[in-house]
Amino acid sequence: MQNSCDFDVSRRDLMVAAAAAAAVATAPSAAGAQPAAGVPSLKVSFTVNGKARDLELDTRTTLLDALREHLHVAGTKKGCDHGQCGACTVIVDGRRINSCLTLAVMHQGGSITTVEGLGTPDELHPMQAAFVKHDGYQCGYCTPGQICSAVAVLGEIEAGIPSHVSTDLTARPQATAAEFRERMSGNICRCGAYSNIVEAITEVAGRKA
């Protein structure tokens, strides 16, 4: 019968081997690496923050990974990678999307705006400035997605697109706190800065009114 010491050593060896295998499997590819041999790839061209970009990508590459790993536009964050947290929100052709849930090759010819394309440290977008003023960022990890989503929310309201809390689907939606909370519900903030975020959006909406 195997004694407890032998069992402990075997278990330790097993854990070491499993950790090593996991590290190899998840190791990132070299920056700008081409798709692996035998993997389908396509050329895709789109505009990112006003600049034309051309890539050849594995057809399975998400827009999020194309931005972060291939173009090094790292403001957009990878949170859950399942479309549940909103940290990866970007604006594509004027509409916000979760970039982790869409393939890069689906956006041939598209215009993509990330948080870097909204403003600069010297000339902030009004929404960025409002987030700073109202302390809507806190740890900051979700902030790029929050800001992109907030900018798009005001665009949706201005375009007359109703939400689940709009009382009259045929009337122009109002820029209210209830509308903001509902429309921003897909963007999660683990710091709990929701009231501050609503205040920031309310201020920018007031300037547009």
N, C-alpha and C. Protein backbone atom coordinates (compact mmCIF):
# COMPACT_ATOMS: atom_id res chain seq x y z
N MET A 1 0.85 -1.21 0.00
CA MET A 1 0.00 0.00 0.00
C MET A 1 0.88 1.25 0.00
N GLN A 2 0.53 2.26 -0.80
CA GLN A 2 1.32 3.49 -0.91
C GLN A 2 1.19 4.30 0.37
N ASN A 3 2.36 4.72 0.95
CA ASN A 3 2.28 5.50 2.17
C ASN A 3 1.95 6.95 1.87
N SER A 4 1.61 7.73 2.93
CA SER A 4 1.17 9.12 2.74
C SER A 4 2.26 9.99 2.17
N CYS A 5 3.53 9.70 2.50
CA CYS A 5 4.64 10.52 1.98
C CYS A 5 4.74 10.39 0.48
N ASP A 6 4.63 9.13 -0.02
CA ASP A 6 4.69 8.91 -1.46
C ASP A 6 3.53 9.61 -2.15
N PHE A 7 2.36 9.57 -1.52
CA PHE A 7 1.18 10.22 -2.11
C PHE A 7 1.38 11.72 -2.22
N ASP A 8 1.95 12.36 -1.18
CA ASP A 8 2.18 13.79 -1.19
C ASP A 8 3.15 14.19 -2.28
N VAL A 9 4.22 13.45 -2.43
CA VAL A 9 5.20 13.76 -3.47
C VAL A 9 4.56 13.64 -4.84
N SER A 10 3.79 12.60 -5.07
CA SER A 10 3.15 12.41 -6.37
C SER A 10 2.18 13.53 -6.67
N ARG A 11 1.43 13.94 -5.67
CA ARG A 11 0.47 15.03 -5.87
C ARG A 11 1.20 16.33 -6.20
N ARG A 12 2.32 16.58 -5.51
CA ARG A 12 3.10 17.77 -5.77
C ARG A 12 3.64 17.77 -7.20
N ASP A 13 4.16 16.64 -7.62
CA ASP A 13 4.67 16.53 -8.99
C ASP A 13 3.56 16.78 -10.01
N LEU A 14 2.39 16.25 -9.71
CA LEU A 14 1.26 16.44 -10.62
C LEU A 14 0.88 17.91 -10.73
N MET A 15 0.85 18.62 -9.60
CA MET A 15 0.48 20.03 -9.62
C MET A 15 1.51 20.87 -10.37
N VAL A 16 2.80 20.54 -10.18
CA VAL A 16 3.85 21.27 -10.89
C VAL A 16 3.72 21.06 -12.39
N ALA A 17 3.48 19.82 -12.79
CA ALA A 17 3.35 19.52 -14.21
C ALA A 17 2.14 20.22 -14.82
N ALA A 18 1.03 20.24 -14.08
CA ALA A 18 -0.18 20.90 -14.59
C ALA A 18 0.03 22.40 -14.74
N ALA A 19 0.70 23.01 -13.76
CA ALA A 19 0.96 24.45 -13.84
C ALA A 19 1.86 24.79 -15.01
N ALA A 20 2.87 23.96 -15.24
CA ALA A 20 3.77 24.19 -16.37
C ALA A 20 3.04 24.08 -17.69
N ALA A 21 2.16 23.08 -17.80
CA ALA A 21 1.40 22.90 -19.04
C ALA A 21 0.47 24.08 -19.28
N ALA A 22 -0.17 24.57 -18.21
CA ALA A 22 -1.06 25.72 -18.35
C ALA A 22 -0.31 26.97 -18.78
N ALA A 23 0.90 27.16 -18.25
CA ALA A 23 1.69 28.33 -18.59
C ALA A 23 2.07 28.32 -20.06
N VAL A 24 2.42 27.15 -20.56
CA VAL A 24 2.78 27.04 -21.98
C VAL A 24 1.57 27.30 -22.85
N ALA A 25 0.43 26.74 -22.46
CA ALA A 25 -0.78 26.87 -23.27
C ALA A 25 -1.28 28.30 -23.36
N THR A 26 -1.07 29.08 -22.29
CA THR A 26 -1.61 30.44 -22.25
C THR A 26 -0.56 31.51 -22.53
N ALA A 27 0.65 31.13 -22.86
CA ALA A 27 1.70 32.12 -23.12
C ALA A 27 1.31 32.98 -24.31
N PRO A 28 1.41 34.32 -24.21
CA PRO A 28 1.03 35.20 -25.32
C PRO A 28 1.99 35.04 -26.49
N SER A 29 1.44 35.24 -27.69
CA SER A 29 2.28 35.18 -28.88
C SER A 29 3.09 36.46 -28.98
N ALA A 30 4.14 36.41 -29.78
CA ALA A 30 4.98 37.59 -29.97
C ALA A 30 4.17 38.72 -30.58
N ALA A 31 4.49 39.94 -30.20
CA ALA A 31 3.76 41.10 -30.71
C ALA A 31 3.84 41.15 -32.22
N GLY A 32 2.67 41.30 -32.84
CA GLY A 32 2.62 41.43 -34.29
C GLY A 32 2.83 40.12 -35.02
N ALA A 33 2.78 38.99 -34.28
CA ALA A 33 3.02 37.70 -34.92
C ALA A 33 1.94 37.42 -35.95
N GLN A 34 2.32 36.72 -37.02
CA GLN A 34 1.38 36.34 -38.05
C GLN A 34 0.60 35.11 -37.58
N PRO A 35 -0.57 34.85 -38.18
CA PRO A 35 -1.34 33.67 -37.80
C PRO A 35 -0.52 32.39 -37.98
N ALA A 36 -0.76 31.41 -37.13
CA ALA A 36 -0.02 30.16 -37.21
C ALA A 36 -0.33 29.44 -38.51
N ALA A 37 0.64 28.62 -38.95
CA ALA A 37 0.47 27.87 -40.20
C ALA A 37 -0.77 26.99 -40.11
N GLY A 38 -1.55 26.98 -41.16
CA GLY A 38 -2.75 26.15 -41.20
C GLY A 38 -3.98 26.80 -40.61
N VAL A 39 -3.83 27.95 -39.95
CA VAL A 39 -4.97 28.65 -39.37
C VAL A 39 -5.49 29.67 -40.37
N PRO A 40 -6.79 29.65 -40.69
CA PRO A 40 -7.33 30.60 -41.67
C PRO A 40 -7.06 32.04 -41.24
N SER A 41 -6.65 32.87 -42.18
CA SER A 41 -6.41 34.28 -41.88
C SER A 41 -6.99 35.14 -43.00
N LEU A 42 -7.28 36.37 -42.66
CA LEU A 42 -7.82 37.32 -43.62
C LEU A 42 -7.20 38.68 -43.40
N LYS A 43 -7.12 39.45 -44.46
CA LYS A 43 -6.69 40.83 -44.33
C LYS A 43 -7.92 41.68 -44.01
N VAL A 44 -7.75 42.59 -43.08
CA VAL A 44 -8.85 43.46 -42.70
C VAL A 44 -8.32 44.88 -42.57
N SER A 45 -9.10 45.82 -43.05
CA SER A 45 -8.73 47.24 -42.96
C SER A 45 -9.88 48.01 -42.32
N PHE A 46 -9.54 48.79 -41.32
CA PHE A 46 -10.54 49.67 -40.71
C PHE A 46 -9.83 50.89 -40.16
N THR A 47 -10.63 51.84 -39.71
CA THR A 47 -10.09 53.07 -39.15
C THR A 47 -10.22 53.02 -37.63
N VAL A 48 -9.12 53.25 -36.95
CA VAL A 48 -9.12 53.26 -35.48
C VAL A 48 -8.70 54.64 -35.01
N ASN A 49 -9.61 55.33 -34.36
CA ASN A 49 -9.34 56.68 -33.85
C ASN A 49 -8.83 57.62 -34.94
N GLY A 50 -9.47 57.49 -36.10
CA GLY A 50 -9.16 58.38 -37.21
C GLY A 50 -7.97 57.97 -38.06
N LYS A 51 -7.33 56.85 -37.74
CA LYS A 51 -6.15 56.41 -38.47
C LYS A 51 -6.43 55.08 -39.15
N ALA A 52 -6.14 54.99 -40.45
CA ALA A 52 -6.35 53.75 -41.19
C ALA A 52 -5.37 52.68 -40.72
N ARG A 53 -5.89 51.49 -40.46
CA ARG A 53 -5.05 50.39 -40.00
C ARG A 53 -5.34 49.16 -40.85
N ASP A 54 -4.28 48.44 -41.21
CA ASP A 54 -4.39 47.22 -42.01
C ASP A 54 -3.75 46.07 -41.24
N LEU A 55 -4.47 44.96 -41.15
CA LEU A 55 -3.98 43.80 -40.41
C LEU A 55 -4.25 42.53 -41.19
N GLU A 56 -3.45 41.51 -40.93
CA GLU A 56 -3.77 40.15 -41.36
C GLU A 56 -3.94 39.33 -40.10
N LEU A 57 -5.15 38.80 -39.92
CA LEU A 57 -5.50 38.20 -38.64
C LEU A 57 -6.04 36.79 -38.80
N ASP A 58 -5.78 35.98 -37.80
CA ASP A 58 -6.52 34.75 -37.59
C ASP A 58 -8.00 35.13 -37.58
N THR A 59 -8.82 34.43 -38.34
CA THR A 59 -10.22 34.81 -38.45
C THR A 59 -10.98 34.73 -37.13
N ARG A 60 -10.38 34.09 -36.13
CA ARG A 60 -11.03 33.96 -34.82
C ARG A 60 -10.68 35.10 -33.88
N THR A 61 -9.85 36.03 -34.32
CA THR A 61 -9.41 37.13 -33.46
C THR A 61 -10.55 38.09 -33.18
N THR A 62 -10.79 38.36 -31.92
CA THR A 62 -11.83 39.33 -31.57
C THR A 62 -11.34 40.74 -31.86
N LEU A 63 -12.28 41.66 -31.97
CA LEU A 63 -11.90 43.06 -32.16
C LEU A 63 -11.09 43.54 -30.97
N LEU A 64 -11.45 43.11 -29.77
CA LEU A 64 -10.71 43.49 -28.57
C LEU A 64 -9.24 43.08 -28.66
N ASP A 65 -8.99 41.83 -29.05
CA ASP A 65 -7.60 41.36 -29.15
C ASP A 65 -6.87 42.03 -30.30
N ALA A 66 -7.58 42.34 -31.39
CA ALA A 66 -6.93 43.05 -32.49
C ALA A 66 -6.46 44.42 -32.03
N LEU A 67 -7.29 45.10 -31.24
CA LEU A 67 -6.93 46.42 -30.75
C LEU A 67 -5.77 46.35 -29.76
N ARG A 68 -5.87 45.46 -28.79
CA ARG A 68 -4.87 45.41 -27.73
C ARG A 68 -3.57 44.73 -28.15
N GLU A 69 -3.68 43.56 -28.76
CA GLU A 69 -2.50 42.75 -29.01
C GLU A 69 -1.81 43.07 -30.34
N HIS A 70 -2.59 43.49 -31.32
CA HIS A 70 -2.01 43.72 -32.65
C HIS A 70 -1.75 45.20 -32.93
N LEU A 71 -2.63 46.06 -32.45
CA LEU A 71 -2.46 47.49 -32.69
C LEU A 71 -1.93 48.22 -31.46
N HIS A 72 -1.86 47.55 -30.33
CA HIS A 72 -1.35 48.11 -29.07
C HIS A 72 -2.14 49.35 -28.63
N VAL A 73 -3.43 49.33 -28.93
CA VAL A 73 -4.35 50.35 -28.43
C VAL A 73 -4.94 49.76 -27.16
N ALA A 74 -4.27 50.01 -26.04
CA ALA A 74 -4.55 49.24 -24.82
C ALA A 74 -5.49 49.93 -23.85
N GLY A 75 -6.07 51.08 -24.23
CA GLY A 75 -7.01 51.73 -23.33
C GLY A 75 -8.24 50.87 -23.10
N THR A 76 -8.70 50.21 -24.15
CA THR A 76 -9.84 49.30 -24.03
C THR A 76 -9.41 48.09 -23.22
N LYS A 77 -10.16 47.75 -22.18
CA LYS A 77 -9.73 46.72 -21.24
C LYS A 77 -10.44 45.38 -21.48
N LYS A 78 -9.71 44.32 -21.17
CA LYS A 78 -10.30 42.99 -21.19
C LYS A 78 -10.67 42.63 -19.76
N GLY A 79 -11.96 42.55 -19.50
CA GLY A 79 -12.44 42.21 -18.17
C GLY A 79 -12.85 40.76 -18.10
N CYS A 80 -14.16 40.52 -18.35
CA CYS A 80 -14.67 39.15 -18.27
C CYS A 80 -14.41 38.36 -19.54
N ASP A 81 -14.25 39.04 -20.68
CA ASP A 81 -14.08 38.41 -21.99
C ASP A 81 -15.31 37.60 -22.40
N HIS A 82 -16.46 37.89 -21.77
CA HIS A 82 -17.71 37.21 -22.09
C HIS A 82 -18.87 38.19 -22.33
N GLY A 83 -18.56 39.46 -22.50
CA GLY A 83 -19.61 40.43 -22.78
C GLY A 83 -20.49 40.78 -21.60
N GLN A 84 -20.00 40.54 -20.38
CA GLN A 84 -20.84 40.76 -19.21
C GLN A 84 -20.45 41.97 -18.37
N CYS A 85 -19.24 42.53 -18.59
CA CYS A 85 -18.79 43.61 -17.70
C CYS A 85 -18.72 44.97 -18.39
N GLY A 86 -18.60 45.00 -19.70
CA GLY A 86 -18.58 46.28 -20.43
C GLY A 86 -17.24 46.99 -20.47
N ALA A 87 -16.19 46.41 -19.85
CA ALA A 87 -14.89 47.08 -19.84
C ALA A 87 -14.30 47.24 -21.23
N CYS A 88 -14.74 46.40 -22.17
CA CYS A 88 -14.19 46.42 -23.53
C CYS A 88 -15.03 47.26 -24.50
N THR A 89 -15.97 48.04 -23.99
CA THR A 89 -16.86 48.81 -24.86
C THR A 89 -16.09 49.79 -25.74
N VAL A 90 -16.38 49.75 -27.04
CA VAL A 90 -15.85 50.73 -27.99
C VAL A 90 -17.02 51.20 -28.85
N ILE A 91 -16.79 52.24 -29.62
CA ILE A 91 -17.83 52.77 -30.51
C ILE A 91 -17.45 52.42 -31.94
N VAL A 92 -18.31 51.67 -32.61
CA VAL A 92 -18.06 51.25 -33.99
C VAL A 92 -19.15 51.83 -34.88
N ASP A 93 -18.74 52.65 -35.82
CA ASP A 93 -19.68 53.30 -36.73
C ASP A 93 -20.80 53.99 -35.96
N GLY A 94 -20.43 54.63 -34.85
CA GLY A 94 -21.37 55.43 -34.09
C GLY A 94 -22.17 54.69 -33.05
N ARG A 95 -21.99 53.35 -32.95
CA ARG A 95 -22.75 52.59 -31.98
C ARG A 95 -21.81 51.82 -31.06
N ARG A 96 -22.16 51.74 -29.79
CA ARG A 96 -21.29 51.05 -28.84
C ARG A 96 -21.49 49.54 -28.92
N ILE A 97 -20.40 48.82 -28.79
CA ILE A 97 -20.45 47.36 -28.79
C ILE A 97 -19.44 46.82 -27.78
N ASN A 98 -19.63 45.58 -27.38
CA ASN A 98 -18.63 44.88 -26.58
C ASN A 98 -17.62 44.28 -27.55
N SER A 99 -16.42 44.79 -27.55
CA SER A 99 -15.45 44.35 -28.54
C SER A 99 -14.95 42.94 -28.32
N CYS A 100 -15.22 42.36 -27.14
CA CYS A 100 -14.82 40.98 -26.90
C CYS A 100 -15.76 39.99 -27.56
N LEU A 101 -16.94 40.45 -27.98
CA LEU A 101 -17.95 39.56 -28.54
C LEU A 101 -18.06 39.62 -30.05
N THR A 102 -17.18 40.35 -30.70
CA THR A 102 -17.26 40.48 -32.15
C THR A 102 -15.89 40.22 -32.76
N LEU A 103 -15.89 39.62 -33.94
CA LEU A 103 -14.64 39.31 -34.62
C LEU A 103 -14.13 40.53 -35.38
N ALA A 104 -12.84 40.72 -35.38
CA ALA A 104 -12.25 41.87 -36.06
C ALA A 104 -12.58 41.88 -37.54
N VAL A 105 -12.59 40.70 -38.16
CA VAL A 105 -12.81 40.63 -39.61
C VAL A 105 -14.24 41.02 -39.99
N MET A 106 -15.13 41.12 -39.03
CA MET A 106 -16.50 41.54 -39.31
C MET A 106 -16.61 43.05 -39.51
N HIS A 107 -15.53 43.78 -39.24
CA HIS A 107 -15.61 45.24 -39.28
C HIS A 107 -14.76 45.85 -40.38
N GLN A 108 -14.62 45.12 -41.47
CA GLN A 108 -13.92 45.63 -42.64
C GLN A 108 -14.51 46.98 -43.05
N GLY A 109 -13.66 47.98 -43.16
CA GLY A 109 -14.11 49.31 -43.57
C GLY A 109 -14.78 50.12 -42.48
N GLY A 110 -14.84 49.57 -41.28
CA GLY A 110 -15.53 50.26 -40.20
C GLY A 110 -14.70 51.37 -39.57
N SER A 111 -15.37 52.21 -38.79
CA SER A 111 -14.72 53.29 -38.06
C SER A 111 -14.85 53.00 -36.57
N ILE A 112 -13.73 52.79 -35.90
CA ILE A 112 -13.71 52.36 -34.51
C ILE A 112 -13.14 53.48 -33.64
N THR A 113 -13.84 53.80 -32.57
CA THR A 113 -13.35 54.81 -31.64
C THR A 113 -13.19 54.17 -30.27
N THR A 114 -11.99 54.28 -29.72
CA THR A 114 -11.72 53.83 -28.36
C THR A 114 -11.58 55.06 -27.48
N VAL A 115 -11.32 54.84 -26.20
CA VAL A 115 -11.20 55.98 -25.29
C VAL A 115 -10.07 56.91 -25.71
N GLU A 116 -9.02 56.35 -26.34
CA GLU A 116 -7.91 57.18 -26.80
C GLU A 116 -8.33 58.16 -27.90
N GLY A 117 -9.38 57.78 -28.65
CA GLY A 117 -9.84 58.63 -29.74
C GLY A 117 -10.83 59.70 -29.35
N LEU A 118 -11.26 59.68 -28.09
CA LEU A 118 -12.23 60.69 -27.64
C LEU A 118 -11.55 61.99 -27.23
N GLY A 119 -10.41 61.89 -26.60
CA GLY A 119 -9.71 63.08 -26.14
C GLY A 119 -8.27 62.76 -25.81
N THR A 120 -7.53 63.78 -25.43
CA THR A 120 -6.12 63.63 -25.06
C THR A 120 -5.93 64.19 -23.65
N PRO A 121 -4.82 63.88 -23.01
CA PRO A 121 -4.57 64.44 -21.67
C PRO A 121 -4.61 65.97 -21.66
N ASP A 122 -4.23 66.58 -22.77
CA ASP A 122 -4.23 68.04 -22.82
C ASP A 122 -5.57 68.62 -23.25
N GLU A 123 -6.38 67.80 -23.89
CA GLU A 123 -7.68 68.28 -24.37
C GLU A 123 -8.70 67.15 -24.19
N LEU A 124 -9.23 67.04 -22.98
CA LEU A 124 -10.15 65.96 -22.64
C LEU A 124 -11.49 66.13 -23.35
N HIS A 125 -12.09 64.99 -23.68
CA HIS A 125 -13.48 65.01 -24.13
C HIS A 125 -14.34 65.47 -22.94
N PRO A 126 -15.44 66.16 -23.18
CA PRO A 126 -16.29 66.61 -22.07
C PRO A 126 -16.68 65.49 -21.11
N MET A 127 -16.91 64.30 -21.63
CA MET A 127 -17.27 63.18 -20.76
C MET A 127 -16.09 62.74 -19.90
N GLN A 128 -14.90 62.75 -20.47
CA GLN A 128 -13.71 62.43 -19.68
C GLN A 128 -13.52 63.45 -18.56
N ALA A 129 -13.68 64.72 -18.90
CA ALA A 129 -13.52 65.78 -17.89
C ALA A 129 -14.57 65.65 -16.79
N ALA A 130 -15.79 65.29 -17.16
CA ALA A 130 -16.86 65.14 -16.17
C ALA A 130 -16.59 63.95 -15.25
N PHE A 131 -16.05 62.87 -15.79
CA PHE A 131 -15.70 61.71 -14.96
C PHE A 131 -14.64 62.11 -13.93
N VAL A 132 -13.67 62.91 -14.35
CA VAL A 132 -12.64 63.37 -13.41
C VAL A 132 -13.27 64.26 -12.34
N LYS A 133 -14.09 65.20 -12.76
CA LYS A 133 -14.71 66.15 -11.83
C LYS A 133 -15.57 65.45 -10.78
N HIS A 134 -16.33 64.44 -11.22
CA HIS A 134 -17.27 63.78 -10.31
C HIS A 134 -16.72 62.48 -9.72
N ASP A 135 -15.44 62.23 -9.90
CA ASP A 135 -14.80 61.03 -9.35
C ASP A 135 -15.53 59.77 -9.83
N GLY A 136 -15.78 59.73 -11.13
CA GLY A 136 -16.47 58.58 -11.69
C GLY A 136 -15.56 57.45 -12.11
N TYR A 137 -14.27 57.61 -11.87
CA TYR A 137 -13.32 56.58 -12.37
C TYR A 137 -12.80 55.68 -11.26
N GLN A 138 -12.49 56.19 -10.08
CA GLN A 138 -11.96 55.43 -8.95
C GLN A 138 -10.79 54.53 -9.38
N CYS A 139 -10.89 53.19 -9.35
CA CYS A 139 -9.72 52.37 -9.70
C CYS A 139 -9.34 52.55 -11.16
N GLY A 140 -10.30 52.86 -12.01
CA GLY A 140 -10.01 53.19 -13.40
C GLY A 140 -10.08 52.05 -14.39
N TYR A 141 -10.18 50.81 -13.93
CA TYR A 141 -10.12 49.70 -14.89
C TYR A 141 -11.31 49.70 -15.84
N CYS A 142 -12.50 49.95 -15.32
CA CYS A 142 -13.69 49.93 -16.17
C CYS A 142 -13.91 51.26 -16.89
N THR A 143 -13.14 52.28 -16.53
CA THR A 143 -13.43 53.64 -16.98
C THR A 143 -13.44 53.82 -18.49
N PRO A 144 -12.49 53.27 -19.26
CA PRO A 144 -12.55 53.44 -20.71
C PRO A 144 -13.88 52.96 -21.31
N GLY A 145 -14.33 51.79 -20.86
CA GLY A 145 -15.61 51.29 -21.35
C GLY A 145 -16.78 52.12 -20.87
N GLN A 146 -16.71 52.57 -19.62
CA GLN A 146 -17.77 53.43 -19.08
C GLN A 146 -17.90 54.71 -19.89
N ILE A 147 -16.76 55.33 -20.19
CA ILE A 147 -16.79 56.61 -20.91
C ILE A 147 -17.28 56.43 -22.34
N CYS A 148 -16.77 55.41 -23.03
CA CYS A 148 -17.25 55.16 -24.39
C CYS A 148 -18.75 54.89 -24.40
N SER A 149 -19.21 54.10 -23.43
CA SER A 149 -20.63 53.79 -23.34
C SER A 149 -21.44 55.04 -23.04
N ALA A 150 -20.95 55.88 -22.13
CA ALA A 150 -21.67 57.10 -21.76
C ALA A 150 -21.81 58.05 -22.95
N VAL A 151 -20.74 58.19 -23.72
CA VAL A 151 -20.81 59.04 -24.92
C VAL A 151 -21.86 58.50 -25.89
N ALA A 152 -21.86 57.18 -26.07
CA ALA A 152 -22.82 56.57 -26.99
C ALA A 152 -24.25 56.66 -26.46
N VAL A 153 -24.42 56.60 -25.14
CA VAL A 153 -25.75 56.72 -24.54
C VAL A 153 -26.38 58.05 -24.90
N LEU A 154 -25.61 59.12 -24.77
CA LEU A 154 -26.17 60.43 -25.12
C LEU A 154 -26.50 60.50 -26.61
N GLY A 155 -25.70 59.81 -27.42
CA GLY A 155 -26.00 59.75 -28.84
C GLY A 155 -27.29 58.99 -29.12
N GLU A 156 -27.52 57.92 -28.37
CA GLU A 156 -28.76 57.15 -28.53
C GLU A 156 -29.98 57.98 -28.15
N ILE A 157 -29.87 58.70 -27.06
CA ILE A 157 -30.99 59.53 -26.61
C ILE A 157 -31.26 60.63 -27.64
N GLU A 158 -30.20 61.24 -28.11
CA GLU A 158 -30.36 62.31 -29.11
C GLU A 158 -30.98 61.78 -30.40
N ALA A 159 -30.68 60.52 -30.73
CA ALA A 159 -31.23 59.91 -31.95
C ALA A 159 -32.66 59.40 -31.74
N GLY A 160 -33.17 59.48 -30.50
CA GLY A 160 -34.54 59.07 -30.24
C GLY A 160 -34.72 57.58 -30.03
N ILE A 161 -33.65 56.87 -29.71
CA ILE A 161 -33.73 55.41 -29.51
C ILE A 161 -34.23 55.14 -28.09
N PRO A 162 -35.36 54.44 -27.94
CA PRO A 162 -35.91 54.21 -26.60
C PRO A 162 -35.15 53.12 -25.84
N SER A 163 -35.36 53.06 -24.54
CA SER A 163 -34.77 52.02 -23.70
C SER A 163 -35.90 51.27 -23.00
N HIS A 164 -35.55 50.33 -22.13
CA HIS A 164 -36.57 49.56 -21.41
C HIS A 164 -37.32 50.39 -20.39
N VAL A 165 -36.79 51.55 -20.02
CA VAL A 165 -37.51 52.39 -19.05
C VAL A 165 -38.21 53.56 -19.72
N SER A 166 -38.12 53.66 -21.03
CA SER A 166 -38.84 54.73 -21.73
C SER A 166 -40.34 54.47 -21.63
N THR A 167 -41.09 55.44 -21.12
CA THR A 167 -42.53 55.23 -20.89
C THR A 167 -43.32 55.26 -22.19
N ASP A 168 -42.85 56.00 -23.18
CA ASP A 168 -43.56 56.09 -24.47
C ASP A 168 -42.55 55.80 -25.57
N LEU A 169 -42.70 54.66 -26.23
CA LEU A 169 -41.74 54.25 -27.24
C LEU A 169 -41.81 55.11 -28.50
N THR A 170 -42.87 55.89 -28.64
CA THR A 170 -42.99 56.73 -29.82
C THR A 170 -42.51 58.16 -29.57
N ALA A 171 -42.28 58.50 -28.29
CA ALA A 171 -41.84 59.84 -27.93
C ALA A 171 -40.31 59.88 -27.82
N ARG A 172 -39.77 61.06 -27.95
CA ARG A 172 -38.33 61.22 -27.80
C ARG A 172 -37.93 60.94 -26.34
N PRO A 173 -36.96 60.04 -26.10
CA PRO A 173 -36.56 59.75 -24.72
C PRO A 173 -35.91 60.97 -24.07
N GLN A 174 -36.08 61.05 -22.76
CA GLN A 174 -35.54 62.16 -22.01
C GLN A 174 -34.20 61.78 -21.36
N ALA A 175 -33.35 62.77 -21.19
CA ALA A 175 -32.04 62.55 -20.57
C ALA A 175 -32.21 62.59 -19.06
N THR A 176 -32.73 61.50 -18.49
CA THR A 176 -32.98 61.42 -17.06
C THR A 176 -32.04 60.42 -16.41
N ALA A 177 -31.93 60.48 -15.09
CA ALA A 177 -31.08 59.54 -14.36
C ALA A 177 -31.54 58.11 -14.57
N ALA A 178 -32.86 57.91 -14.64
CA ALA A 178 -33.38 56.55 -14.86
C ALA A 178 -32.93 56.02 -16.22
N GLU A 179 -32.98 56.86 -17.24
CA GLU A 179 -32.52 56.45 -18.56
C GLU A 179 -31.03 56.13 -18.54
N PHE A 180 -30.25 56.96 -17.88
CA PHE A 180 -28.80 56.73 -17.83
C PHE A 180 -28.49 55.41 -17.13
N ARG A 181 -29.15 55.18 -16.00
CA ARG A 181 -28.88 53.95 -15.25
C ARG A 181 -29.23 52.71 -16.07
N GLU A 182 -30.38 52.75 -16.74
CA GLU A 182 -30.78 51.61 -17.54
C GLU A 182 -29.83 51.38 -18.71
N ARG A 183 -29.48 52.43 -19.41
CA ARG A 183 -28.63 52.30 -20.59
C ARG A 183 -27.19 51.93 -20.22
N MET A 184 -26.76 52.32 -19.04
CA MET A 184 -25.39 52.01 -18.60
C MET A 184 -25.32 50.71 -17.81
N SER A 185 -26.41 49.98 -17.71
CA SER A 185 -26.45 48.81 -16.83
C SER A 185 -25.52 47.69 -17.29
N GLY A 186 -25.10 47.71 -18.54
CA GLY A 186 -24.17 46.70 -19.03
C GLY A 186 -22.72 46.99 -18.70
N ASN A 187 -22.45 48.13 -18.10
CA ASN A 187 -21.09 48.50 -17.71
C ASN A 187 -20.96 48.38 -16.19
N ILE A 188 -20.18 47.41 -15.76
CA ILE A 188 -20.08 47.11 -14.33
C ILE A 188 -18.89 47.86 -13.72
N CYS A 189 -19.12 48.43 -12.54
CA CYS A 189 -18.06 49.11 -11.79
C CYS A 189 -17.95 48.44 -10.43
N ARG A 190 -16.87 47.70 -10.20
CA ARG A 190 -16.72 46.99 -8.94
C ARG A 190 -16.41 47.95 -7.78
N CYS A 191 -15.98 49.16 -8.11
CA CYS A 191 -15.75 50.15 -7.05
C CYS A 191 -17.06 50.77 -6.56
N GLY A 192 -18.12 50.60 -7.34
CA GLY A 192 -19.42 51.14 -6.94
C GLY A 192 -19.57 52.63 -7.15
N ALA A 193 -18.96 53.15 -8.21
CA ALA A 193 -19.02 54.59 -8.47
C ALA A 193 -20.24 54.98 -9.31
N TYR A 194 -21.28 54.20 -9.25
CA TYR A 194 -22.43 54.42 -10.14
C TYR A 194 -23.07 55.79 -10.00
N SER A 195 -23.27 56.26 -8.77
CA SER A 195 -23.91 57.57 -8.60
C SER A 195 -23.03 58.67 -9.17
N ASN A 196 -21.72 58.54 -9.03
CA ASN A 196 -20.80 59.54 -9.58
C ASN A 196 -20.82 59.52 -11.11
N ILE A 197 -20.93 58.32 -11.67
CA ILE A 197 -20.99 58.18 -13.13
C ILE A 197 -22.26 58.84 -13.66
N VAL A 198 -23.37 58.61 -12.98
CA VAL A 198 -24.63 59.24 -13.40
C VAL A 198 -24.52 60.76 -13.32
N GLU A 199 -23.88 61.26 -12.28
CA GLU A 199 -23.68 62.71 -12.15
C GLU A 199 -22.84 63.25 -13.31
N ALA A 200 -21.82 62.52 -13.69
CA ALA A 200 -20.97 62.97 -14.80
C ALA A 200 -21.75 63.02 -16.11
N ILE A 201 -22.53 61.96 -16.37
CA ILE A 201 -23.33 61.93 -17.61
C ILE A 201 -24.38 63.02 -17.59
N THR A 202 -25.00 63.25 -16.44
CA THR A 202 -26.02 64.29 -16.31
C THR A 202 -25.44 65.66 -16.62
N GLU A 203 -24.22 65.91 -16.15
CA GLU A 203 -23.62 67.21 -16.43
C GLU A 203 -23.39 67.42 -17.93
N VAL A 204 -22.85 66.39 -18.58
CA VAL A 204 -22.60 66.51 -20.03
C VAL A 204 -23.90 66.63 -20.79
N ALA A 205 -24.91 65.88 -20.37
CA ALA A 205 -26.23 65.97 -21.04
C ALA A 205 -26.80 67.36 -20.89
N GLY A 206 -26.60 67.99 -19.74
CA GLY A 206 -27.10 69.35 -19.51
C GLY A 206 -26.46 70.35 -20.44
N ARG A 207 -25.19 70.14 -20.78
CA ARG A 207 -24.52 71.05 -21.72
C ARG A 207 -25.07 70.90 -23.12
N LYS A 208 -25.56 69.67 -23.47
CA LYS A 208 -26.08 69.43 -24.79
C LYS A 208 -27.51 69.92 -24.93
N ALA A 209 -28.21 70.06 -23.80
CA ALA A 209 -29.63 70.44 -23.84
C ALA A 209 -29.82 71.85 -24.40
